[in-house]
Amino acid sequence: MRFVLLLVPAVAVVGAYQYVRHEITSGQPSIVLPQPRPLLSDPIDWSKQQAGLGFKLDQKELQRMQGENLARQIQESTQRMQDSAAYIRNPTGMRWHGLPPH
């Protein structure tokens, strides 16, 4: 009688394991989630957007701005490297005030 009482929970655990294994390996989703509608159905046509706003992007102006940004980045990097070199040469010197360059 004891053997039967111990066998019943073991059979239940094995049955639950087999069921879960079958559900996982079946590849089917266990719950179905609603699919939302797509937010954008067509690609954006920027020429229509610019016409609606009343201005047009000037390619020469964009290139000039990109050139200015690049020159500013180069200048900032050069200054940072010069500051780092000065700090490395004399980290505790009187010329340096404040935190080391980042």
C-alpha atoms as a PDB file:
ATOM      1  CA  MET A   1       0.000   0.000   0.000  1.00  0.00           C
ATOM      2  CA  ARG A   2       2.846   2.393   0.816  1.00  0.00           C
ATOM      3  CA  PHE A   3       4.437   1.726  -2.551  1.00  0.00           C
ATOM      4  CA  VAL A   4       1.226   2.785  -4.324  1.00  0.00           C
ATOM      5  CA  LEU A   5       0.983   5.955  -2.247  1.00  0.00           C
ATOM      6  CA  LEU A   6       4.567   6.914  -3.209  1.00  0.00           C
ATOM      7  CA  LEU A   7       4.036   5.972  -6.860  1.00  0.00           C
ATOM      8  CA  VAL A   8       1.052   8.299  -7.418  1.00  0.00           C
ATOM      9  CA  PRO A   9       2.960  11.598  -6.896  1.00  0.00           C
ATOM     10  CA  ALA A  10       5.877  10.328  -8.980  1.00  0.00           C
ATOM     11  CA  VAL A  11       3.547   9.451 -11.873  1.00  0.00           C
ATOM     12  CA  ALA A  12       1.922  12.890 -11.602  1.00  0.00           C
ATOM     13  CA  VAL A  13       5.314  14.634 -11.733  1.00  0.00           C
ATOM     14  CA  VAL A  14       6.432  12.558 -14.738  1.00  0.00           C
ATOM     15  CA  GLY A  15       3.127  13.268 -16.493  1.00  0.00           C
ATOM     16  CA  ALA A  16       3.457  17.013 -15.873  1.00  0.00           C
ATOM     17  CA  TYR A  17       7.056  16.931 -17.141  1.00  0.00           C
ATOM     18  CA  GLN A  18       6.019  15.093 -20.321  1.00  0.00           C
ATOM     19  CA  TYR A  19       3.194  17.588 -20.936  1.00  0.00           C
ATOM     20  CA  VAL A  20       5.433  20.642 -20.489  1.00  0.00           C
ATOM     21  CA  ARG A  21       8.153  19.089 -22.678  1.00  0.00           C
ATOM     22  CA  HIS A  22       5.607  18.409 -25.405  1.00  0.00           C
ATOM     23  CA  GLU A  23       4.241  21.978 -25.241  1.00  0.00           C
ATOM     24  CA  ILE A  24       7.703  23.539 -25.406  1.00  0.00           C
ATOM     25  CA  THR A  25       8.980  21.396 -28.274  1.00  0.00           C
ATOM     26  CA  SER A  26       5.779  21.676 -30.321  1.00  0.00           C
ATOM     27  CA  GLY A  27       6.699  25.206 -31.468  1.00  0.00           C
ATOM     28  CA  GLN A  28       3.156  26.462 -31.051  1.00  0.00           C
ATOM     29  CA  PRO A  29       2.611  29.542 -28.885  1.00  0.00           C
ATOM     30  CA  SER A  30       0.814  28.753 -25.666  1.00  0.00           C
ATOM     31  CA  ILE A  31      -0.991  32.110 -25.701  1.00  0.00           C
ATOM     32  CA  VAL A  32      -2.077  34.187 -28.660  1.00  0.00           C
ATOM     33  CA  LEU A  33      -1.242  37.879 -28.392  1.00  0.00           C
ATOM     34  CA  PRO A  34      -3.116  40.391 -30.544  1.00  0.00           C
ATOM     35  CA  GLN A  35      -0.982  41.890 -33.292  1.00  0.00           C
ATOM     36  CA  PRO A  36      -1.150  45.698 -33.504  1.00  0.00           C
ATOM     37  CA  ARG A  37      -1.565  47.476 -36.800  1.00  0.00           C
ATOM     38  CA  PRO A  38       1.648  48.730 -38.355  1.00  0.00           C
ATOM     39  CA  LEU A  39       2.324  52.381 -37.588  1.00  0.00           C
ATOM     40  CA  LEU A  40       3.793  53.206 -40.994  1.00  0.00           C
ATOM     41  CA  SER A  41       2.567  51.387 -44.050  1.00  0.00           C
ATOM     42  CA  ASP A  42       4.374  53.360 -46.762  1.00  0.00           C
ATOM     43  CA  PRO A  43       7.934  54.681 -46.936  1.00  0.00           C
ATOM     44  CA  ILE A  44       8.301  58.370 -46.150  1.00  0.00           C
ATOM     45  CA  ASP A  45       8.686  60.622 -49.181  1.00  0.00           C
ATOM     46  CA  TRP A  46      10.808  63.520 -47.892  1.00  0.00           C
ATOM     47  CA  SER A  47      10.213  65.645 -50.975  1.00  0.00           C
ATOM     48  CA  LYS A  48       6.520  65.855 -50.083  1.00  0.00           C
ATOM     49  CA  GLN A  49       7.362  66.668 -46.482  1.00  0.00           C
ATOM     50  CA  GLN A  50       9.649  69.540 -47.479  1.00  0.00           C
ATOM     51  CA  ALA A  51       7.062  70.959 -49.878  1.00  0.00           C
ATOM     52  CA  GLY A  52       4.434  70.920 -47.134  1.00  0.00           C
ATOM     53  CA  LEU A  53       6.662  72.821 -44.724  1.00  0.00           C
ATOM     54  CA  GLY A  54       7.505  75.544 -47.221  1.00  0.00           C
ATOM     55  CA  PHE A  55      11.296  75.212 -47.333  1.00  0.00           C
ATOM     56  CA  LYS A  56      13.833  73.242 -49.298  1.00  0.00           C
ATOM     57  CA  LEU A  57      17.128  71.817 -48.109  1.00  0.00           C
ATOM     58  CA  ASP A  58      20.084  73.422 -49.846  1.00  0.00           C
ATOM     59  CA  GLN A  59      22.784  70.833 -50.557  1.00  0.00           C
ATOM     60  CA  LYS A  60      25.569  73.429 -50.609  1.00  0.00           C
ATOM     61  CA  GLU A  61      24.473  74.776 -47.235  1.00  0.00           C
ATOM     62  CA  LEU A  62      24.382  71.245 -45.805  1.00  0.00           C
ATOM     63  CA  GLN A  63      27.910  70.575 -47.060  1.00  0.00           C
ATOM     64  CA  ARG A  64      29.115  73.883 -45.568  1.00  0.00           C
ATOM     65  CA  MET A  65      27.574  73.010 -42.199  1.00  0.00           C
ATOM     66  CA  GLN A  66      29.107  69.533 -42.263  1.00  0.00           C
ATOM     67  CA  GLY A  67      32.493  71.064 -43.054  1.00  0.00           C
ATOM     68  CA  GLU A  68      32.164  73.498 -40.146  1.00  0.00           C
ATOM     69  CA  ASN A  69      31.194  70.687 -37.790  1.00  0.00           C
ATOM     70  CA  LEU A  70      34.143  68.594 -38.925  1.00  0.00           C
ATOM     71  CA  ALA A  71      36.545  71.523 -38.472  1.00  0.00           C
ATOM     72  CA  ARG A  72      35.156  72.162 -34.970  1.00  0.00           C
ATOM     73  CA  GLN A  73      35.573  68.492 -34.031  1.00  0.00           C
ATOM     74  CA  ILE A  74      39.158  68.488 -35.274  1.00  0.00           C
ATOM     75  CA  GLN A  75      39.911  71.680 -33.333  1.00  0.00           C
ATOM     76  CA  GLU A  76      38.419  70.288 -30.119  1.00  0.00           C
ATOM     77  CA  SER A  77      40.316  67.007 -30.503  1.00  0.00           C
ATOM     78  CA  THR A  78      43.568  68.845 -31.142  1.00  0.00           C
ATOM     79  CA  GLN A  79      43.042  71.031 -28.066  1.00  0.00           C
ATOM     80  CA  ARG A  80      42.234  67.982 -25.936  1.00  0.00           C
ATOM     81  CA  MET A  81      45.383  66.202 -27.138  1.00  0.00           C
ATOM     82  CA  GLN A  82      47.505  69.283 -26.414  1.00  0.00           C
ATOM     83  CA  ASP A  83      46.005  69.520 -22.928  1.00  0.00           C
ATOM     84  CA  SER A  84      46.705  65.822 -22.330  1.00  0.00           C
ATOM     85  CA  ALA A  85      50.309  66.231 -23.510  1.00  0.00           C
ATOM     86  CA  ALA A  86      50.815  69.220 -21.186  1.00  0.00           C
ATOM     87  CA  TYR A  87      49.358  67.270 -18.265  1.00  0.00           C
ATOM     88  CA  ILE A  88      51.567  64.246 -18.984  1.00  0.00           C
ATOM     89  CA  ARG A  89      54.699  66.413 -19.173  1.00  0.00           C
ATOM     90  CA  ASN A  90      53.994  68.135 -15.873  1.00  0.00           C
ATOM     91  CA  PRO A  91      51.041  66.633 -13.949  1.00  0.00           C
ATOM     92  CA  THR A  92      51.753  68.449 -10.689  1.00  0.00           C
ATOM     93  CA  GLY A  93      53.064  71.655 -12.189  1.00  0.00           C
ATOM     94  CA  MET A  94      51.901  75.126 -11.382  1.00  0.00           C
ATOM     95  CA  ARG A  95      50.641  75.702 -14.910  1.00  0.00           C
ATOM     96  CA  TRP A  96      47.847  73.157 -14.658  1.00  0.00           C
ATOM     97  CA  HIS A  97      44.677  74.108 -12.789  1.00  0.00           C
ATOM     98  CA  GLY A  98      41.649  71.937 -12.473  1.00  0.00           C
ATOM     99  CA  LEU A  99      40.903  68.355 -13.433  1.00  0.00           C
ATOM    100  CA  PRO A 100      43.020  66.487 -15.994  1.00  0.00           C
ATOM    101  CA  PRO A 101      41.624  66.533 -19.537  1.00  0.00           C
ATOM    102  CA  HIS A 102      39.019  63.903 -20.317  1.00  0.00           C
END
